[in-house]
Each structure stands twice: as structure tokens, then as C-alpha cells.
């Protein structure tokens, strides 16, 4: 299972609309969009889990794709740079 970072999402993006788009490349196992706590609208990014070969196909097909009025930025999640305090 690979986790993708999806950036530059429009504010009217919903989990259903993003799943519909990524389903063209394979099965979406999970999705989490970052949303504004007051308006409930997407704040521009999210994470999607897919099988490895399907995730690579999604990056190749959808990176730079115009979704709404924005060009999507898609890459594998970078787990080496965790933000937060060190102890």
C-alpha cells in the first residue's frame, strides 16, 4: 500500500469527487482531505492510499491534471521529513 500526497486541490473538492477521479487509475483504499474546521471546505491538500502500481499510474496520469481550476500536484508521501518537536 502506498500513500500519495495530493496538493493544489480546489476548495470545492470533496472526498467523493477525488475518489471518482483517482478510481480511473485503480482502487482507492482510503482518503483524507484536509478541511477548514469552520467552513468544512478543502484547504488544498489530502492523502490517498492505493496499491503501489496503481499509485504510480495515478501519479503519471494525474500529476498536472486540471481539476476544477487548479493543476494537481501528486507525489508519494515523504515519511522521512516528519514535522514536530524532537525529544
PDB file of N, CA and C in Angstrom:
ATOM      1  N   UNK A   1       0.849  -1.175   0.000  1.00  0.00           N
ATOM      2  CA  UNK A   1       0.000   0.000   0.000  1.00  0.00           C
ATOM      3  C   UNK A   1       0.895   1.239   0.000  1.00  0.00           C
ATOM      4  N   UNK A   2       0.604   2.157  -0.899  1.00  0.00           N
ATOM      5  CA  UNK A   2       1.354   3.414  -0.989  1.00  0.00           C
ATOM      6  C   UNK A   2       0.422   4.574  -0.663  1.00  0.00           C
ATOM      7  N   UNK A   3       0.993   5.571  -0.019  1.00  0.00           N
ATOM      8  CA  UNK A   3       0.221   6.750   0.342  1.00  0.00           C
ATOM      9  C   UNK A   3       0.708   7.921  -0.505  1.00  0.00           C
ATOM     10  N   UNK A   4      -0.249   8.591  -1.150  1.00  0.00           N
ATOM     11  CA  UNK A   4       0.053   9.714  -2.019  1.00  0.00           C
ATOM     12  C   UNK A   4      -0.336  11.028  -1.369  1.00  0.00           C
ATOM     13  N   UNK A   5       0.502  12.039  -1.563  1.00  0.00           N
ATOM     14  CA  UNK A   5       0.155  13.398  -1.199  1.00  0.00           C
ATOM     15  C   UNK A   5      -0.457  14.030  -2.442  1.00  0.00           C
ATOM     16  N   UNK A   6      -1.631  14.627  -2.294  1.00  0.00           N
ATOM     17  CA  UNK A   6      -2.303  15.308  -3.399  1.00  0.00           C
ATOM     18  C   UNK A   6      -2.441  16.770  -3.005  1.00  0.00           C
ATOM     19  N   UNK A   7      -1.748  17.629  -3.732  1.00  0.00           N
ATOM     20  CA  UNK A   7      -1.751  19.051  -3.419  1.00  0.00           C
ATOM     21  C   UNK A   7      -2.418  19.878  -4.500  1.00  0.00           C
ATOM     22  N   UNK A   8      -2.706  21.102  -4.156  1.00  0.00           N
ATOM     23  CA  UNK A   8      -3.317  22.089  -5.037  1.00  0.00           C
ATOM     24  C   UNK A   8      -4.758  21.711  -5.404  1.00  0.00           C
ATOM     25  N   UNK A   9      -5.473  21.128  -4.455  1.00  0.00           N
ATOM     26  CA  UNK A   9      -6.881  20.800  -4.674  1.00  0.00           C
ATOM     27  C   UNK A   9      -7.733  22.066  -4.565  1.00  0.00           C
ATOM     28  N   UNK A  10      -8.771  22.177  -5.372  1.00  0.00           N
ATOM     29  CA  UNK A  10      -9.664  23.336  -5.251  1.00  0.00           C
ATOM     30  C   UNK A  10     -10.480  23.254  -3.956  1.00  0.00           C
ATOM     31  N   UNK A  11     -10.972  24.392  -3.491  1.00  0.00           N
ATOM     32  CA  UNK A  11     -11.714  24.414  -2.222  1.00  0.00           C
ATOM     33  C   UNK A  11     -13.044  23.674  -2.304  1.00  0.00           C
ATOM     34  N   UNK A  12     -13.573  23.462  -3.510  1.00  0.00           N
ATOM     35  CA  UNK A  12     -14.843  22.745  -3.637  1.00  0.00           C
ATOM     36  C   UNK A  12     -14.642  21.228  -3.818  1.00  0.00           C
ATOM     37  N   UNK A  13     -13.409  20.749  -3.691  1.00  0.00           N
ATOM     38  CA  UNK A  13     -13.138  19.308  -3.801  1.00  0.00           C
ATOM     39  C   UNK A  13     -13.764  18.573  -2.616  1.00  0.00           C
ATOM     40  N   UNK A  14     -14.344  17.417  -2.891  1.00  0.00           N
ATOM     41  CA  UNK A  14     -14.899  16.562  -1.842  1.00  0.00           C
ATOM     42  C   UNK A  14     -14.220  15.208  -1.932  1.00  0.00           C
ATOM     43  N   UNK A  15     -14.354  14.406  -0.866  1.00  0.00           N
ATOM     44  CA  UNK A  15     -13.789  13.063  -0.904  1.00  0.00           C
ATOM     45  C   UNK A  15     -14.365  12.277  -2.070  1.00  0.00           C
ATOM     46  N   UNK A  16     -15.660  12.408  -2.309  1.00  0.00           N
ATOM     47  CA  UNK A  16     -16.311  11.672  -3.399  1.00  0.00           C
ATOM     48  C   UNK A  16     -15.752  12.081  -4.760  1.00  0.00           C
ATOM     49  N   UNK A  17     -15.546  13.373  -4.985  1.00  0.00           N
ATOM     50  CA  UNK A  17     -15.043  13.816  -6.289  1.00  0.00           C
ATOM     51  C   UNK A  17     -13.594  13.389  -6.515  1.00  0.00           C
ATOM     52  N   UNK A  18     -12.790  13.395  -5.460  1.00  0.00           N
ATOM     53  CA  UNK A  18     -11.390  12.979  -5.586  1.00  0.00           C
ATOM     54  C   UNK A  18     -11.308  11.462  -5.786  1.00  0.00           C
ATOM     55  N   UNK A  19     -12.137  10.706  -5.066  1.00  0.00           N
ATOM     56  CA  UNK A  19     -12.167   9.251  -5.254  1.00  0.00           C
ATOM     57  C   UNK A  19     -12.579   8.920  -6.678  1.00  0.00           C
ATOM     58  N   UNK A  20     -13.571   9.618  -7.197  1.00  0.00           N
ATOM     59  CA  UNK A  20     -14.030   9.382  -8.564  1.00  0.00           C
ATOM     60  C   UNK A  20     -12.892   9.603  -9.562  1.00  0.00           C
ATOM     61  N   UNK A  21     -12.124  10.661  -9.374  1.00  0.00           N
ATOM     62  CA  UNK A  21     -11.008  10.960 -10.263  1.00  0.00           C
ATOM     63  C   UNK A  21      -9.929   9.881 -10.178  1.00  0.00           C
ATOM     64  N   UNK A  22      -9.525   9.513  -8.959  1.00  0.00           N
ATOM     65  CA  UNK A  22      -8.436   8.551  -8.788  1.00  0.00           C
ATOM     66  C   UNK A  22      -8.863   7.117  -9.091  1.00  0.00           C
ATOM     67  N   UNK A  23     -10.148   6.825  -9.066  1.00  0.00           N
ATOM     68  CA  UNK A  23     -10.631   5.479  -9.374  1.00  0.00           C
ATOM     69  C   UNK A  23     -10.357   5.085 -10.819  1.00  0.00           C
ATOM     70  N   UNK A  24     -10.101   6.065 -11.677  1.00  0.00           N
ATOM     71  CA  UNK A  24      -9.727   5.758 -13.059  1.00  0.00           C
ATOM     72  C   UNK A  24      -8.401   5.015 -13.123  1.00  0.00           C
ATOM     73  N   UNK A  25      -7.576   5.148 -12.080  1.00  0.00           N
ATOM     74  CA  UNK A  25      -6.249   4.521 -12.054  1.00  0.00           C
ATOM     75  C   UNK A  25      -6.208   3.271 -11.182  1.00  0.00           C
ATOM     76  N   UNK A  26      -7.233   3.020 -10.402  1.00  0.00           N
ATOM     77  CA  UNK A  26      -7.261   1.855  -9.523  1.00  0.00           C
ATOM     78  C   UNK A  26      -8.130   2.111  -8.307  1.00  0.00           C
ATOM     79  N   UNK A  27      -8.111   1.151  -7.398  1.00  0.00           N
ATOM     80  CA  UNK A  27      -8.949   1.228  -6.199  1.00  0.00           C
ATOM     81  C   UNK A  27      -8.326   2.147  -5.148  1.00  0.00           C
ATOM     82  N   UNK A  28      -9.121   3.096  -4.672  1.00  0.00           N
ATOM     83  CA  UNK A  28      -8.706   3.976  -3.584  1.00  0.00           C
ATOM     84  C   UNK A  28      -9.076   3.283  -2.277  1.00  0.00           C
ATOM     85  N   UNK A  29      -8.063   2.945  -1.467  1.00  0.00           N
ATOM     86  CA  UNK A  29      -8.318   2.241  -0.209  1.00  0.00           C
ATOM     87  C   UNK A  29      -8.717   3.187   0.914  1.00  0.00           C
ATOM     88  N   UNK A  30      -8.124   4.375   0.920  1.00  0.00           N
ATOM     89  CA  UNK A  30      -8.515   5.364   1.928  1.00  0.00           C
ATOM     90  C   UNK A  30      -8.189   6.757   1.416  1.00  0.00           C
ATOM     91  N   UNK A  31      -8.883   7.729   1.973  1.00  0.00           N
ATOM     92  CA  UNK A  31      -8.680   9.129   1.592  1.00  0.00           C
ATOM     93  C   UNK A  31      -8.888  10.000   2.821  1.00  0.00           C
ATOM     94  N   UNK A  32      -8.087  11.040   2.924  1.00  0.00           N
ATOM     95  CA  UNK A  32      -8.239  12.023   3.994  1.00  0.00           C
ATOM     96  C   UNK A  32      -7.896  13.385   3.426  1.00  0.00           C
ATOM     97  N   UNK A  33      -8.907  14.228   3.273  1.00  0.00           N
ATOM     98  CA  UNK A  33      -8.693  15.594   2.818  1.00  0.00           C
ATOM     99  C   UNK A  33      -8.573  16.521   4.021  1.00  0.00           C
ATOM    100  N   UNK A  34      -7.674  17.482   3.927  1.00  0.00           N
ATOM    101  CA  UNK A  34      -7.554  18.498   4.974  1.00  0.00           C
ATOM    102  C   UNK A  34      -8.665  19.514   4.743  1.00  0.00           C
ATOM    103  N   UNK A  35      -9.457  19.760   5.778  1.00  0.00           N
ATOM    104  CA  UNK A  35     -10.586  20.681   5.650  1.00  0.00           C
ATOM    105  C   UNK A  35     -10.532  21.761   6.730  1.00  0.00           C
ATOM    106  N   UNK A  36     -11.081  22.914   6.389  1.00  0.00           N
ATOM    107  CA  UNK A  36     -11.193  24.013   7.330  1.00  0.00           C
ATOM    108  C   UNK A  36     -12.227  23.643   8.389  1.00  0.00           C
ATOM    109  N   UNK A  37     -11.902  23.828   9.645  1.00  0.00           N
ATOM    110  CA  UNK A  37     -12.797  23.388  10.714  1.00  0.00           C
ATOM    111  C   UNK A  37     -14.093  24.199  10.796  1.00  0.00           C
ATOM    112  N   UNK A  38     -14.086  25.401  10.268  1.00  0.00           N
ATOM    113  CA  UNK A  38     -15.279  26.232  10.346  1.00  0.00           C
ATOM    114  C   UNK A  38     -16.179  26.092   9.125  1.00  0.00           C
ATOM    115  N   UNK A  39     -15.580  26.122   7.938  1.00  0.00           N
ATOM    116  CA  UNK A  39     -16.389  26.059   6.712  1.00  0.00           C
ATOM    117  C   UNK A  39     -16.598  24.633   6.213  1.00  0.00           C
ATOM    118  N   UNK A  40     -15.708  23.714   6.600  1.00  0.00           N
ATOM    119  CA  UNK A  40     -15.804  22.339   6.117  1.00  0.00           C
ATOM    120  C   UNK A  40     -15.292  22.161   4.701  1.00  0.00           C
ATOM    121  N   UNK A  41     -14.707  23.217   4.116  1.00  0.00           N
ATOM    122  CA  UNK A  41     -14.180  23.150   2.752  1.00  0.00           C
ATOM    123  C   UNK A  41     -12.731  22.675   2.757  1.00  0.00           C
ATOM    124  N   UNK A  42     -12.355  22.044   1.667  1.00  0.00           N
ATOM    125  CA  UNK A  42     -10.991  21.564   1.484  1.00  0.00           C
ATOM    126  C   UNK A  42     -10.022  22.746   1.505  1.00  0.00           C
ATOM    127  N   UNK A  43      -8.896  22.576   2.206  1.00  0.00           N
ATOM    128  CA  UNK A  43      -7.910  23.658   2.262  1.00  0.00           C
ATOM    129  C   UNK A  43      -6.754  23.433   1.288  1.00  0.00           C
ATOM    130  N   UNK A  44      -6.917  22.505   0.349  1.00  0.00           N
ATOM    131  CA  UNK A  44      -5.954  22.413  -0.738  1.00  0.00           C
ATOM    132  C   UNK A  44      -5.108  21.172  -0.841  1.00  0.00           C
ATOM    133  N   UNK A  45      -5.211  20.260   0.138  1.00  0.00           N
ATOM    134  CA  UNK A  45      -4.412  19.047   0.025  1.00  0.00           C
ATOM    135  C   UNK A  45      -5.087  17.883   0.734  1.00  0.00           C
ATOM    136  N   UNK A  46      -4.545  16.697   0.480  1.00  0.00           N
ATOM    137  CA  UNK A  46      -5.065  15.495   1.112  1.00  0.00           C
ATOM    138  C   UNK A  46      -4.130  14.318   0.867  1.00  0.00           C
ATOM    139  N   UNK A  47      -4.514  13.168   1.393  1.00  0.00           N
ATOM    140  CA  UNK A  47      -3.719  11.947   1.262  1.00  0.00           C
ATOM    141  C   UNK A  47      -4.621  10.817   0.788  1.00  0.00           C
ATOM    142  N   UNK A  48      -4.081   9.993  -0.104  1.00  0.00           N
ATOM    143  CA  UNK A  48      -4.823   8.868  -0.673  1.00  0.00           C
ATOM    144  C   UNK A  48      -3.950   7.630  -0.584  1.00  0.00           C
ATOM    145  N   UNK A  49      -4.535   6.487  -0.218  1.00  0.00           N
ATOM    146  CA  UNK A  49      -3.825   5.213  -0.197  1.00  0.00           C
ATOM    147  C   UNK A  49      -4.311   4.337  -1.335  1.00  0.00           C
ATOM    148  N   UNK A  50      -3.348   3.805  -2.096  1.00  0.00           N
ATOM    149  CA  UNK A  50      -3.630   2.915  -3.221  1.00  0.00           C
ATOM    150  C   UNK A  50      -2.539   1.844  -3.273  1.00  0.00           C
ATOM    151  N   UNK A  51      -2.787   0.777  -4.031  1.00  0.00           N
ATOM    152  CA  UNK A  51      -1.749  -0.220  -4.272  1.00  0.00           C
ATOM    153  C   UNK A  51      -0.602   0.448  -5.027  1.00  0.00           C
ATOM    154  N   UNK A  52       0.614  -0.089  -4.873  1.00  0.00           N
ATOM    155  CA  UNK A  52       1.809   0.525  -5.436  1.00  0.00           C
ATOM    156  C   UNK A  52       1.750   0.816  -6.928  1.00  0.00           C
ATOM    157  N   UNK A  53       1.412  -0.192  -7.737  1.00  0.00           N
ATOM    158  CA  UNK A  53       1.391   0.017  -9.187  1.00  0.00           C
ATOM    159  C   UNK A  53       0.275   0.971  -9.602  1.00  0.00           C
ATOM    160  N   UNK A  54      -0.841   0.952  -8.874  1.00  0.00           N
ATOM    161  CA  UNK A  54      -1.941   1.870  -9.164  1.00  0.00           C
ATOM    162  C   UNK A  54      -1.572   3.300  -8.759  1.00  0.00           C
ATOM    163  N   UNK A  55      -0.835   3.438  -7.653  1.00  0.00           N
ATOM    164  CA  UNK A  55      -0.392   4.759  -7.205  1.00  0.00           C
ATOM    165  C   UNK A  55       0.573   5.368  -8.222  1.00  0.00           C
ATOM    166  N   UNK A  56       1.496   4.558  -8.749  1.00  0.00           N
ATOM    167  CA  UNK A  56       2.419   5.059  -9.764  1.00  0.00           C
ATOM    168  C   UNK A  56       1.661   5.498 -11.020  1.00  0.00           C
ATOM    169  N   UNK A  57       0.639   4.709 -11.404  1.00  0.00           N
ATOM    170  CA  UNK A  57      -0.175   5.070 -12.573  1.00  0.00           C
ATOM    171  C   UNK A  57      -0.926   6.379 -12.324  1.00  0.00           C
ATOM    172  N   UNK A  58      -1.412   6.576 -11.102  1.00  0.00           N
ATOM    173  CA  UNK A  58      -2.134   7.809 -10.754  1.00  0.00           C
ATOM    174  C   UNK A  58      -1.206   9.015 -10.832  1.00  0.00           C
ATOM    175  N   UNK A  59       0.016   8.875 -10.350  1.00  0.00           N
ATOM    176  CA  UNK A  59       0.978   9.982 -10.421  1.00  0.00           C
ATOM    177  C   UNK A  59       1.252  10.323 -11.878  1.00  0.00           C
ATOM    178  N   UNK A  60       1.507   9.293 -12.684  1.00  0.00           N
ATOM    179  CA  UNK A  60       1.835   9.531 -14.090  1.00  0.00           C
ATOM    180  C   UNK A  60       0.672  10.167 -14.851  1.00  0.00           C
ATOM    181  N   UNK A  61      -0.537   9.723 -14.572  1.00  0.00           N
ATOM    182  CA  UNK A  61      -1.701  10.209 -15.312  1.00  0.00           C
ATOM    183  C   UNK A  61      -2.241  11.548 -14.785  1.00  0.00           C
ATOM    184  N   UNK A  62      -2.230  11.745 -13.456  1.00  0.00           N
ATOM    185  CA  UNK A  62      -2.950  12.877 -12.867  1.00  0.00           C
ATOM    186  C   UNK A  62      -2.073  14.024 -12.370  1.00  0.00           C
ATOM    187  N   UNK A  63      -0.753  13.831 -12.263  1.00  0.00           N
ATOM    188  CA  UNK A  63       0.104  14.940 -11.835  1.00  0.00           C
ATOM    189  C   UNK A  63       0.069  16.013 -12.921  1.00  0.00           C
ATOM    190  N   UNK A  64      -0.360  17.211 -12.566  1.00  0.00           N
ATOM    191  CA  UNK A  64      -0.513  18.303 -13.518  1.00  0.00           C
ATOM    192  C   UNK A  64      -1.904  18.383 -14.143  1.00  0.00           C
ATOM    193  N   UNK A  65      -2.771  17.429 -13.819  1.00  0.00           N
ATOM    194  CA  UNK A  65      -4.138  17.398 -14.346  1.00  0.00           C
ATOM    195  C   UNK A  65      -4.927  18.588 -13.802  1.00  0.00           C
ATOM    196  N   UNK A  66      -5.687  19.237 -14.665  1.00  0.00           N
ATOM    197  CA  UNK A  66      -6.525  20.364 -14.240  1.00  0.00           C
ATOM    198  C   UNK A  66      -7.795  19.827 -13.582  1.00  0.00           C
ATOM    199  N   UNK A  67      -7.916  20.032 -12.292  1.00  0.00           N
ATOM    200  CA  UNK A  67      -9.067  19.586 -11.504  1.00  0.00           C
ATOM    201  C   UNK A  67      -9.744  20.851 -11.000  1.00  0.00           C
ATOM    202  N   UNK A  68     -10.925  21.126 -11.516  1.00  0.00           N
ATOM    203  CA  UNK A  68     -11.532  22.427 -11.255  1.00  0.00           C
ATOM    204  C   UNK A  68     -10.707  23.455 -12.005  1.00  0.00           C
ATOM    205  N   UNK A  69     -10.202  24.431 -11.300  1.00  0.00           N
ATOM    206  CA  UNK A  69      -9.366  25.448 -11.943  1.00  0.00           C
ATOM    207  C   UNK A  69      -7.910  25.365 -11.487  1.00  0.00           C
ATOM    208  N   UNK A  70      -7.521  24.223 -10.914  1.00  0.00           N
ATOM    209  CA  UNK A  70      -6.173  24.081 -10.374  1.00  0.00           C
ATOM    210  C   UNK A  70      -5.460  22.873 -10.976  1.00  0.00           C
ATOM    211  N   UNK A  71      -4.152  22.978 -11.094  1.00  0.00           N
ATOM    212  CA  UNK A  71      -3.309  21.905 -11.602  1.00  0.00           C
ATOM    213  C   UNK A  71      -2.823  21.058 -10.421  1.00  0.00           C
ATOM    214  N   UNK A  72      -3.218  19.777 -10.372  1.00  0.00           N
ATOM    215  CA  UNK A  72      -2.885  18.907  -9.248  1.00  0.00           C
ATOM    216  C   UNK A  72      -1.388  18.642  -9.155  1.00  0.00           C
ATOM    217  N   UNK A  73      -0.900  18.542  -7.929  1.00  0.00           N
ATOM    218  CA  UNK A  73       0.481  18.164  -7.630  1.00  0.00           C
ATOM    219  C   UNK A  73       0.410  16.864  -6.840  1.00  0.00           C
ATOM    220  N   UNK A  74       0.907  15.777  -7.413  1.00  0.00           N
ATOM    221  CA  UNK A  74       0.792  14.466  -6.772  1.00  0.00           C
ATOM    222  C   UNK A  74       2.169  13.836  -6.653  1.00  0.00           C
ATOM    223  N   UNK A  75       2.462  13.294  -5.480  1.00  0.00           N
ATOM    224  CA  UNK A  75       3.721  12.580  -5.252  1.00  0.00           C
ATOM    225  C   UNK A  75       3.528  11.590  -4.117  1.00  0.00           C
ATOM    226  N   UNK A  76       4.497  10.687  -3.970  1.00  0.00           N
ATOM    227  CA  UNK A  76       4.450   9.785  -2.836  1.00  0.00           C
ATOM    228  C   UNK A  76       4.678  10.586  -1.564  1.00  0.00           C
ATOM    229  N   UNK A  77       3.999  10.206  -0.483  1.00  0.00           N
ATOM    230  CA  UNK A  77       4.161  10.896   0.796  1.00  0.00           C
ATOM    231  C   UNK A  77       5.610  10.744   1.256  1.00  0.00           C
ATOM    232  N   UNK A  78       6.201  11.825   1.705  1.00  0.00           N
ATOM    233  CA  UNK A  78       7.578  11.808   2.195  1.00  0.00           C
ATOM    234  C   UNK A  78       7.554  11.556   3.698  1.00  0.00           C
ATOM    235  N   UNK A  79       7.865  10.330   4.088  1.00  0.00           N
ATOM    236  CA  UNK A  79       7.819   9.972   5.506  1.00  0.00           C
ATOM    237  C   UNK A  79       9.127  10.275   6.226  1.00  0.00           C
ATOM    238  N   UNK A  80      10.165  10.668   5.479  1.00  0.00           N
ATOM    239  CA  UNK A  80      11.455  10.917   6.109  1.00  0.00           C
ATOM    240  C   UNK A  80      11.532  12.286   6.796  1.00  0.00           C
ATOM    241  N   UNK A  81      10.629  13.201   6.398  1.00  0.00           N
ATOM    242  CA  UNK A  81      10.647  14.548   6.961  1.00  0.00           C
ATOM    243  C   UNK A  81       9.423  14.777   7.828  1.00  0.00           C
ATOM    244  N   UNK A  82       9.376  14.189   8.979  1.00  0.00           N
ATOM    245  CA  UNK A  82       8.266  14.386   9.906  1.00  0.00           C
ATOM    246  C   UNK A  82       8.462  15.710  10.633  1.00  0.00           C
ATOM    247  N   UNK A  83       7.399  16.493  10.674  1.00  0.00           N
ATOM    248  CA  UNK A  83       7.484  17.762  11.394  1.00  0.00           C
ATOM    249  C   UNK A  83       7.089  17.518  12.851  1.00  0.00           C
ATOM    250  N   UNK A  84       7.621  18.341  13.697  1.00  0.00           N
ATOM    251  CA  UNK A  84       7.298  18.225  15.109  1.00  0.00           C
ATOM    252  C   UNK A  84       8.532  18.403  15.959  1.00  0.00           C
ATOM    253  N   UNK A  85       8.344  18.364  17.241  1.00  0.00           N
ATOM    254  CA  UNK A  85       9.456  18.569  18.164  1.00  0.00           C
ATOM    255  C   UNK A  85      10.211  17.283  18.378  1.00  0.00           C
ATOM    256  N   UNK A  86      11.513  17.430  18.527  1.00  0.00           N
ATOM    257  CA  UNK A  86      12.343  16.281  18.896  1.00  0.00           C
ATOM    258  C   UNK A  86      12.419  16.221  20.400  1.00  0.00           C
ATOM    259  N   UNK A  87      12.591  15.026  20.899  1.00  0.00           N
ATOM    260  CA  UNK A  87      12.701  14.877  22.358  1.00  0.00           C
ATOM    261  C   UNK A  87      14.089  14.501  22.755  1.00  0.00           C
TER     262      UNK A  87
END
